Amino acid sequence: MALQTITLDFPSDILLTINESEKELKKRIKQSLAIQLFTQQKVTLGKAAQIAELSRLEFETLLSENNIPISALDLADVLQDIQKLK
């Protein structure tokens, strides 16, 4: 997988302010971006996990911890699928 590097500028005291290391901040940004893109349905669950640098199961757990549904199916979708299976 090819990687794209993106540079972001932050206030010089950001790490001190949030009491995190650069590595922790990068992880937080990647995970937040992955969640945002997934919830906006811009990327799949697998691609979001890749962005967050997590396994699919780890990303599903992260979603669960943040009360974000893994599936966008609603009750009508499920009922329609049940009818198709009959």
PDB file of N, CA and C in Angstrom:
ATOM      1  N   MET A   1       0.844  -1.178   0.000  1.00  0.00           N
ATOM      2  CA  MET A   1       0.000   0.000   0.000  1.00  0.00           C
ATOM      3  C   MET A   1       0.888   1.239   0.000  1.00  0.00           C
ATOM      4  N   ALA A   2       0.658   2.113  -0.960  1.00  0.00           N
ATOM      5  CA  ALA A   2       1.392   3.375  -1.028  1.00  0.00           C
ATOM      6  C   ALA A   2       0.821   4.345   0.011  1.00  0.00           C
ATOM      7  N   LEU A   3       1.686   5.153   0.566  1.00  0.00           N
ATOM      8  CA  LEU A   3       1.257   6.120   1.573  1.00  0.00           C
ATOM      9  C   LEU A   3       1.368   7.539   1.040  1.00  0.00           C
ATOM     10  N   GLN A   4       0.495   8.395   1.520  1.00  0.00           N
ATOM     11  CA  GLN A   4       0.499   9.812   1.198  1.00  0.00           C
ATOM     12  C   GLN A   4       0.828  10.561   2.481  1.00  0.00           C
ATOM     13  N   THR A   5       1.789  11.457   2.435  1.00  0.00           N
ATOM     14  CA  THR A   5       2.143  12.250   3.607  1.00  0.00           C
ATOM     15  C   THR A   5       1.446  13.601   3.522  1.00  0.00           C
ATOM     16  N   ILE A   6       0.804  13.966   4.623  1.00  0.00           N
ATOM     17  CA  ILE A   6       0.116  15.251   4.727  1.00  0.00           C
ATOM     18  C   ILE A   6       0.672  15.952   5.962  1.00  0.00           C
ATOM     19  N   THR A   7       1.049  17.203   5.814  1.00  0.00           N
ATOM     20  CA  THR A   7       1.609  17.966   6.923  1.00  0.00           C
ATOM     21  C   THR A   7       0.545  18.919   7.466  1.00  0.00           C
ATOM     22  N   LEU A   8       0.409  18.941   8.784  1.00  0.00           N
ATOM     23  CA  LEU A   8      -0.533  19.846   9.450  1.00  0.00           C
ATOM     24  C   LEU A   8       0.242  20.744  10.401  1.00  0.00           C
ATOM     25  N   ASP A   9      -0.167  21.987  10.481  1.00  0.00           N
ATOM     26  CA  ASP A   9       0.466  22.934  11.393  1.00  0.00           C
ATOM     27  C   ASP A   9      -0.414  23.122  12.626  1.00  0.00           C
ATOM     28  N   PHE A  10       0.227  23.066  13.795  1.00  0.00           N
ATOM     29  CA  PHE A  10      -0.464  23.270  15.060  1.00  0.00           C
ATOM     30  C   PHE A  10       0.309  24.293  15.869  1.00  0.00           C
ATOM     31  N   PRO A  11      -0.347  24.910  16.861  1.00  0.00           N
ATOM     32  CA  PRO A  11       0.388  25.819  17.745  1.00  0.00           C
ATOM     33  C   PRO A  11       1.565  25.074  18.380  1.00  0.00           C
ATOM     34  N   SER A  12       2.648  25.765  18.594  1.00  0.00           N
ATOM     35  CA  SER A  12       3.874  25.124  19.084  1.00  0.00           C
ATOM     36  C   SER A  12       3.708  24.471  20.452  1.00  0.00           C
ATOM     37  N   ASP A  13       2.733  24.917  21.236  1.00  0.00           N
ATOM     38  CA  ASP A  13       2.554  24.358  22.573  1.00  0.00           C
ATOM     39  C   ASP A  13       1.440  23.316  22.648  1.00  0.00           C
ATOM     40  N   ILE A  14       0.964  22.816  21.506  1.00  0.00           N
ATOM     41  CA  ILE A  14      -0.180  21.900  21.508  1.00  0.00           C
ATOM     42  C   ILE A  14       0.089  20.626  22.301  1.00  0.00           C
ATOM     43  N   LEU A  15       1.276  20.050  22.146  1.00  0.00           N
ATOM     44  CA  LEU A  15       1.574  18.798  22.850  1.00  0.00           C
ATOM     45  C   LEU A  15       1.593  19.011  24.360  1.00  0.00           C
ATOM     46  N   LEU A  16       2.130  20.138  24.791  1.00  0.00           N
ATOM     47  CA  LEU A  16       2.146  20.468  26.211  1.00  0.00           C
ATOM     48  C   LEU A  16       0.721  20.724  26.708  1.00  0.00           C
ATOM     49  N   THR A  17      -0.057  21.430  25.905  1.00  0.00           N
ATOM     50  CA  THR A  17      -1.426  21.772  26.292  1.00  0.00           C
ATOM     51  C   THR A  17      -2.284  20.528  26.492  1.00  0.00           C
ATOM     52  N   ILE A  18      -2.179  19.574  25.577  1.00  0.00           N
ATOM     53  CA  ILE A  18      -3.016  18.374  25.677  1.00  0.00           C
ATOM     54  C   ILE A  18      -2.323  17.230  26.416  1.00  0.00           C
ATOM     55  N   ASN A  19      -1.082  17.468  26.820  1.00  0.00           N
ATOM     56  CA  ASN A  19      -0.311  16.492  27.583  1.00  0.00           C
ATOM     57  C   ASN A  19      -0.223  15.145  26.866  1.00  0.00           C
ATOM     58  N   GLU A  20       0.145  15.201  25.595  1.00  0.00           N
ATOM     59  CA  GLU A  20       0.317  14.000  24.782  1.00  0.00           C
ATOM     60  C   GLU A  20       1.624  14.095  24.019  1.00  0.00           C
ATOM     61  N   SER A  21       2.129  12.945  23.630  1.00  0.00           N
ATOM     62  CA  SER A  21       3.315  12.914  22.780  1.00  0.00           C
ATOM     63  C   SER A  21       2.880  13.135  21.328  1.00  0.00           C
ATOM     64  N   GLU A  22       3.841  13.401  20.474  1.00  0.00           N
ATOM     65  CA  GLU A  22       3.541  13.568  19.055  1.00  0.00           C
ATOM     66  C   GLU A  22       2.921  12.285  18.495  1.00  0.00           C
ATOM     67  N   LYS A  23       3.440  11.151  18.910  1.00  0.00           N
ATOM     68  CA  LYS A  23       2.924   9.856  18.448  1.00  0.00           C
ATOM     69  C   LYS A  23       1.461   9.680  18.859  1.00  0.00           C
ATOM     70  N   GLU A  24       1.132  10.037  20.107  1.00  0.00           N
ATOM     71  CA  GLU A  24      -0.251   9.917  20.598  1.00  0.00           C
ATOM     72  C   GLU A  24      -1.188  10.850  19.836  1.00  0.00           C
ATOM     73  N   LEU A  25      -0.725  12.070  19.553  1.00  0.00           N
ATOM     74  CA  LEU A  25      -1.544  13.018  18.809  1.00  0.00           C
ATOM     75  C   LEU A  25      -1.798  12.526  17.388  1.00  0.00           C
ATOM     76  N   LYS A  26      -0.760  11.996  16.734  1.00  0.00           N
ATOM     77  CA  LYS A  26      -0.934  11.455  15.385  1.00  0.00           C
ATOM     78  C   LYS A  26      -1.955  10.327  15.380  1.00  0.00           C
ATOM     79  N   LYS A  27      -1.868   9.457  16.382  1.00  0.00           N
ATOM     80  CA  LYS A  27      -2.810   8.338  16.486  1.00  0.00           C
ATOM     81  C   LYS A  27      -4.233   8.865  16.657  1.00  0.00           C
ATOM     82  N   ARG A  28      -4.401   9.864  17.541  1.00  0.00           N
ATOM     83  CA  ARG A  28      -5.723  10.443  17.789  1.00  0.00           C
ATOM     84  C   ARG A  28      -6.291  11.076  16.512  1.00  0.00           C
ATOM     85  N   ILE A  29      -5.462  11.797  15.780  1.00  0.00           N
ATOM     86  CA  ILE A  29      -5.906  12.456  14.545  1.00  0.00           C
ATOM     87  C   ILE A  29      -6.323  11.421  13.511  1.00  0.00           C
ATOM     88  N   LYS A  30      -5.517  10.381  13.338  1.00  0.00           N
ATOM     89  CA  LYS A  30      -5.845   9.339  12.360  1.00  0.00           C
ATOM     90  C   LYS A  30      -7.143   8.632  12.719  1.00  0.00           C
ATOM     91  N   GLN A  31      -7.312   8.309  13.995  1.00  0.00           N
ATOM     92  CA  GLN A  31      -8.529   7.625  14.411  1.00  0.00           C
ATOM     93  C   GLN A  31      -9.754   8.532  14.262  1.00  0.00           C
ATOM     94  N   SER A  32      -9.610   9.793  14.625  1.00  0.00           N
ATOM     95  CA  SER A  32     -10.723  10.735  14.493  1.00  0.00           C
ATOM     96  C   SER A  32     -11.110  10.929  13.033  1.00  0.00           C
ATOM     97  N   LEU A  33     -10.111  11.052  12.170  1.00  0.00           N
ATOM     98  CA  LEU A  33     -10.380  11.194  10.743  1.00  0.00           C
ATOM     99  C   LEU A  33     -11.074   9.953  10.198  1.00  0.00           C
ATOM    100  N   ALA A  34     -10.597   8.787  10.579  1.00  0.00           N
ATOM    101  CA  ALA A  34     -11.196   7.534  10.107  1.00  0.00           C
ATOM    102  C   ALA A  34     -12.654   7.428  10.543  1.00  0.00           C
ATOM    103  N   ILE A  35     -12.932   7.766  11.794  1.00  0.00           N
ATOM    104  CA  ILE A  35     -14.312   7.731  12.294  1.00  0.00           C
ATOM    105  C   ILE A  35     -15.182   8.710  11.519  1.00  0.00           C
ATOM    106  N   GLN A  36     -14.687   9.912  11.332  1.00  0.00           N
ATOM    107  CA  GLN A  36     -15.452  10.943  10.621  1.00  0.00           C
ATOM    108  C   GLN A  36     -15.766  10.516   9.191  1.00  0.00           C
ATOM    109  N   LEU A  37     -14.772  10.034   8.477  1.00  0.00           N
ATOM    110  CA  LEU A  37     -14.979   9.614   7.088  1.00  0.00           C
ATOM    111  C   LEU A  37     -15.923   8.423   7.004  1.00  0.00           C
ATOM    112  N   PHE A  38     -15.822   7.507   7.971  1.00  0.00           N
ATOM    113  CA  PHE A  38     -16.713   6.348   7.988  1.00  0.00           C
ATOM    114  C   PHE A  38     -18.150   6.772   8.263  1.00  0.00           C
ATOM    115  N   THR A  39     -18.351   7.631   9.259  1.00  0.00           N
ATOM    116  CA  THR A  39     -19.717   8.037   9.601  1.00  0.00           C
ATOM    117  C   THR A  39     -20.356   8.866   8.492  1.00  0.00           C
ATOM    118  N   GLN A  40     -19.547   9.545   7.702  1.00  0.00           N
ATOM    119  CA  GLN A  40     -20.056  10.302   6.553  1.00  0.00           C
ATOM    120  C   GLN A  40     -20.210   9.412   5.315  1.00  0.00           C
ATOM    121  N   GLN A  41     -19.916   8.130   5.470  1.00  0.00           N
ATOM    122  CA  GLN A  41     -19.992   7.140   4.400  1.00  0.00           C
ATOM    123  C   GLN A  41     -19.112   7.497   3.206  1.00  0.00           C
ATOM    124  N   LYS A  42     -17.970   8.099   3.503  1.00  0.00           N
ATOM    125  CA  LYS A  42     -17.006   8.439   2.448  1.00  0.00           C
ATOM    126  C   LYS A  42     -16.014   7.311   2.227  1.00  0.00           C
ATOM    127  N   VAL A  43     -15.846   6.452   3.256  1.00  0.00           N
ATOM    128  CA  VAL A  43     -14.967   5.290   3.141  1.00  0.00           C
ATOM    129  C   VAL A  43     -15.650   4.078   3.769  1.00  0.00           C
ATOM    130  N   THR A  44     -15.212   2.911   3.363  1.00  0.00           N
ATOM    131  CA  THR A  44     -15.737   1.674   3.928  1.00  0.00           C
ATOM    132  C   THR A  44     -15.140   1.434   5.312  1.00  0.00           C
ATOM    133  N   LEU A  45     -15.699   0.462   5.991  1.00  0.00           N
ATOM    134  CA  LEU A  45     -15.182   0.083   7.302  1.00  0.00           C
ATOM    135  C   LEU A  45     -13.725  -0.348   7.194  1.00  0.00           C
ATOM    136  N   GLY A  46     -13.415  -1.139   6.181  1.00  0.00           N
ATOM    137  CA  GLY A  46     -12.050  -1.609   5.985  1.00  0.00           C
ATOM    138  C   GLY A  46     -11.067  -0.484   5.712  1.00  0.00           C
ATOM    139  N   LYS A  47     -11.472   0.467   4.854  1.00  0.00           N
ATOM    140  CA  LYS A  47     -10.603   1.596   4.529  1.00  0.00           C
ATOM    141  C   LYS A  47     -10.423   2.488   5.758  1.00  0.00           C
ATOM    142  N   ALA A  48     -11.489   2.687   6.535  1.00  0.00           N
ATOM    143  CA  ALA A  48     -11.395   3.493   7.751  1.00  0.00           C
ATOM    144  C   ALA A  48     -10.422   2.847   8.739  1.00  0.00           C
ATOM    145  N   ALA A  49     -10.491   1.531   8.872  1.00  0.00           N
ATOM    146  CA  ALA A  49      -9.564   0.819   9.751  1.00  0.00           C
ATOM    147  C   ALA A  49      -8.126   1.024   9.285  1.00  0.00           C
ATOM    148  N   GLN A  50      -7.936   1.005   7.978  1.00  0.00           N
ATOM    149  CA  GLN A  50      -6.606   1.223   7.397  1.00  0.00           C
ATOM    150  C   GLN A  50      -6.102   2.626   7.727  1.00  0.00           C
ATOM    151  N   ILE A  51      -6.963   3.631   7.579  1.00  0.00           N
ATOM    152  CA  ILE A  51      -6.589   5.018   7.886  1.00  0.00           C
ATOM    153  C   ILE A  51      -6.194   5.139   9.362  1.00  0.00           C
ATOM    154  N   ALA A  52      -6.958   4.475  10.229  1.00  0.00           N
ATOM    155  CA  ALA A  52      -6.702   4.531  11.670  1.00  0.00           C
ATOM    156  C   ALA A  52      -5.524   3.657  12.089  1.00  0.00           C
ATOM    157  N   GLU A  53      -4.996   2.898  11.137  1.00  0.00           N
ATOM    158  CA  GLU A  53      -3.906   1.961  11.418  1.00  0.00           C
ATOM    159  C   GLU A  53      -4.300   0.950  12.486  1.00  0.00           C
ATOM    160  N   LEU A  54      -5.519   0.413  12.335  1.00  0.00           N
ATOM    161  CA  LEU A  54      -6.049  -0.598  13.232  1.00  0.00           C
ATOM    162  C   LEU A  54      -6.527  -1.782  12.401  1.00  0.00           C
ATOM    163  N   SER A  55      -6.643  -2.933  13.039  1.00  0.00           N
ATOM    164  CA  SER A  55      -7.288  -4.054  12.363  1.00  0.00           C
ATOM    165  C   SER A  55      -8.777  -3.720  12.263  1.00  0.00           C
ATOM    166  N   ARG A  56      -9.472  -4.461  11.434  1.00  0.00           N
ATOM    167  CA  ARG A  56     -10.900  -4.203  11.289  1.00  0.00           C
ATOM    168  C   ARG A  56     -11.616  -4.401  12.629  1.00  0.00           C
ATOM    169  N   LEU A  57     -11.260  -5.453  13.348  1.00  0.00           N
ATOM    170  CA  LEU A  57     -11.877  -5.713  14.650  1.00  0.00           C
ATOM    171  C   LEU A  57     -11.561  -4.591  15.641  1.00  0.00           C
ATOM    172  N   GLU A  58     -10.339  -4.108  15.654  1.00  0.00           N
ATOM    173  CA  GLU A  58      -9.971  -3.002  16.548  1.00  0.00           C
ATOM    174  C   GLU A  58     -10.755  -1.743  16.200  1.00  0.00           C
ATOM    175  N   PHE A  59     -10.950  -1.494  14.893  1.00  0.00           N
ATOM    176  CA  PHE A  59     -11.708  -0.306  14.489  1.00  0.00           C
ATOM    177  C   PHE A  59     -13.180  -0.462  14.865  1.00  0.00           C
ATOM    178  N   GLU A  60     -13.728  -1.660  14.692  1.00  0.00           N
ATOM    179  CA  GLU A  60     -15.116  -1.895  15.104  1.00  0.00           C
ATOM    180  C   GLU A  60     -15.266  -1.659  16.611  1.00  0.00           C
ATOM    181  N   THR A  61     -14.273  -2.073  17.382  1.00  0.00           N
ATOM    182  CA  THR A  61     -14.291  -1.841  18.830  1.00  0.00           C
ATOM    183  C   THR A  61     -14.234  -0.346  19.135  1.00  0.00           C
ATOM    184  N   LEU A  62     -13.393   0.391  18.396  1.00  0.00           N
ATOM    185  CA  LEU A  62     -13.301   1.838  18.569  1.00  0.00           C
ATOM    186  C   LEU A  62     -14.649   2.501  18.279  1.00  0.00           C
ATOM    187  N   LEU A  63     -15.307   2.058  17.219  1.00  0.00           N
ATOM    188  CA  LEU A  63     -16.637   2.595  16.900  1.00  0.00           C
ATOM    189  C   LEU A  63     -17.612   2.311  18.035  1.00  0.00           C
ATOM    190  N   SER A  64     -17.589   1.079  18.525  1.00  0.00           N
ATOM    191  CA  SER A  64     -18.480   0.689  19.612  1.00  0.00           C
ATOM    192  C   SER A  64     -18.237   1.534  20.861  1.00  0.00           C
ATOM    193  N   GLU A  65     -16.966   1.765  21.182  1.00  0.00           N
ATOM    194  CA  GLU A  65     -16.618   2.576  22.354  1.00  0.00           C
ATOM    195  C   GLU A  65     -17.116   4.011  22.219  1.00  0.00           C
ATOM    196  N   ASN A  66     -17.297   4.468  20.978  1.00  0.00           N
ATOM    197  CA  ASN A  66     -17.775   5.828  20.723  1.00  0.00           C
ATOM    198  C   ASN A  66     -19.255   5.855  20.342  1.00  0.00           C
ATOM    199  N   ASN A  67     -19.946   4.738  20.599  1.00  0.00           N
ATOM    200  CA  ASN A  67     -21.386   4.617  20.326  1.00  0.00           C
ATOM    201  C   ASN A  67     -21.738   4.929  18.878  1.00  0.00           C
ATOM    202  N   ILE A  68     -20.904   4.465  17.965  1.00  0.00           N
ATOM    203  CA  ILE A  68     -21.136   4.665  16.536  1.00  0.00           C
ATOM    204  C   ILE A  68     -21.502   3.321  15.929  1.00  0.00           C
ATOM    205  N   PRO A  69     -22.667   3.230  15.289  1.00  0.00           N
ATOM    206  CA  PRO A  69     -23.074   1.951  14.703  1.00  0.00           C
ATOM    207  C   PRO A  69     -22.144   1.538  13.564  1.00  0.00           C
ATOM    208  N   ILE A  70     -21.911   0.231  13.485  1.00  0.00           N
ATOM    209  CA  ILE A  70     -21.048  -0.306  12.437  1.00  0.00           C
ATOM    210  C   ILE A  70     -21.784  -0.343  11.104  1.00  0.00           C
ATOM    211  N   SER A  71     -23.078  -0.503  11.180  1.00  0.00           N
ATOM    212  CA  SER A  71     -23.890  -0.594   9.966  1.00  0.00           C
ATOM    213  C   SER A  71     -24.857   0.577   9.898  1.00  0.00           C
ATOM    214  N   ALA A  72     -25.112   1.040   8.686  1.00  0.00           N
ATOM    215  CA  ALA A  72     -26.061   2.138   8.483  1.00  0.00           C
ATOM    216  C   ALA A  72     -27.457   1.596   8.163  1.00  0.00           C
ATOM    217  N   LEU A  73     -27.632   0.278   8.276  1.00  0.00           N
ATOM    218  CA  LEU A  73     -28.935  -0.312   7.998  1.00  0.00           C
ATOM    219  C   LEU A  73     -29.940   0.120   9.052  1.00  0.00           C
ATOM    220  N   ASP A  74     -31.148   0.434   8.599  1.00  0.00           N
ATOM    221  CA  ASP A  74     -32.210   0.721   9.552  1.00  0.00           C
ATOM    222  C   ASP A  74     -33.178  -0.462   9.559  1.00  0.00           C
ATOM    223  N   LEU A  75     -34.209  -0.396  10.360  1.00  0.00           N
ATOM    224  CA  LEU A  75     -35.147  -1.500  10.505  1.00  0.00           C
ATOM    225  C   LEU A  75     -35.791  -1.862   9.170  1.00  0.00           C
ATOM    226  N   ALA A  76     -36.148  -0.872   8.374  1.00  0.00           N
ATOM    227  CA  ALA A  76     -36.774  -1.134   7.071  1.00  0.00           C
ATOM    228  C   ALA A  76     -35.841  -1.932   6.160  1.00  0.00           C
ATOM    229  N   ASP A  77     -34.561  -1.595   6.183  1.00  0.00           N
ATOM    230  CA  ASP A  77     -33.574  -2.330   5.378  1.00  0.00           C
ATOM    231  C   ASP A  77     -33.488  -3.785   5.817  1.00  0.00           C
ATOM    232  N   VAL A  78     -33.474  -4.005   7.115  1.00  0.00           N
ATOM    233  CA  VAL A  78     -33.375  -5.364   7.648  1.00  0.00           C
ATOM    234  C   VAL A  78     -34.615  -6.167   7.270  1.00  0.00           C
ATOM    235  N   LEU A  79     -35.779  -5.576   7.446  1.00  0.00           N
ATOM    236  CA  LEU A  79     -37.025  -6.264   7.092  1.00  0.00           C
ATOM    237  C   LEU A  79     -37.082  -6.589   5.608  1.00  0.00           C
ATOM    238  N   GLN A  80     -36.603  -5.679   4.772  1.00  0.00           N
ATOM    239  CA  GLN A  80     -36.570  -5.907   3.339  1.00  0.00           C
ATOM    240  C   GLN A  80     -35.620  -7.065   3.010  1.00  0.00           C
ATOM    241  N   ASP A  81     -34.485  -7.130   3.677  1.00  0.00           N
ATOM    242  CA  ASP A  81     -33.545  -8.220   3.460  1.00  0.00           C
ATOM    243  C   ASP A  81     -34.139  -9.552   3.893  1.00  0.00           C
ATOM    244  N   ILE A  82     -34.887  -9.558   4.986  1.00  0.00           N
ATOM    245  CA  ILE A  82     -35.540 -10.781   5.457  1.00  0.00           C
ATOM    246  C   ILE A  82     -36.533 -11.284   4.406  1.00  0.00           C
ATOM    247  N   GLN A  83     -37.286 -10.354   3.839  1.00  0.00           N
ATOM    248  CA  GLN A  83     -38.251 -10.724   2.797  1.00  0.00           C
ATOM    249  C   GLN A  83     -37.564 -11.322   1.581  1.00  0.00           C
ATOM    250  N   LYS A  84     -36.423 -10.771   1.216  1.00  0.00           N
ATOM    251  CA  LYS A  84     -35.665 -11.281   0.075  1.00  0.00           C
ATOM    252  C   LYS A  84     -35.156 -12.689   0.324  1.00  0.00           C
ATOM    253  N   LEU A  85     -34.816 -12.988   1.574  1.00  0.00           N
ATOM    254  CA  LEU A  85     -34.284 -14.298   1.918  1.00  0.00           C
ATOM    255  C   LEU A  85     -35.358 -15.383   1.975  1.00  0.00           C
ATOM    256  N   LYS A  86     -36.602 -14.996   2.090  1.00  0.00           N
ATOM    257  CA  LYS A  86     -37.697 -15.979   2.170  1.00  0.00           C
ATOM    258  C   LYS A  86     -38.023 -16.580   0.831  1.00  0.00           C
TER     259      LYS A  86
END
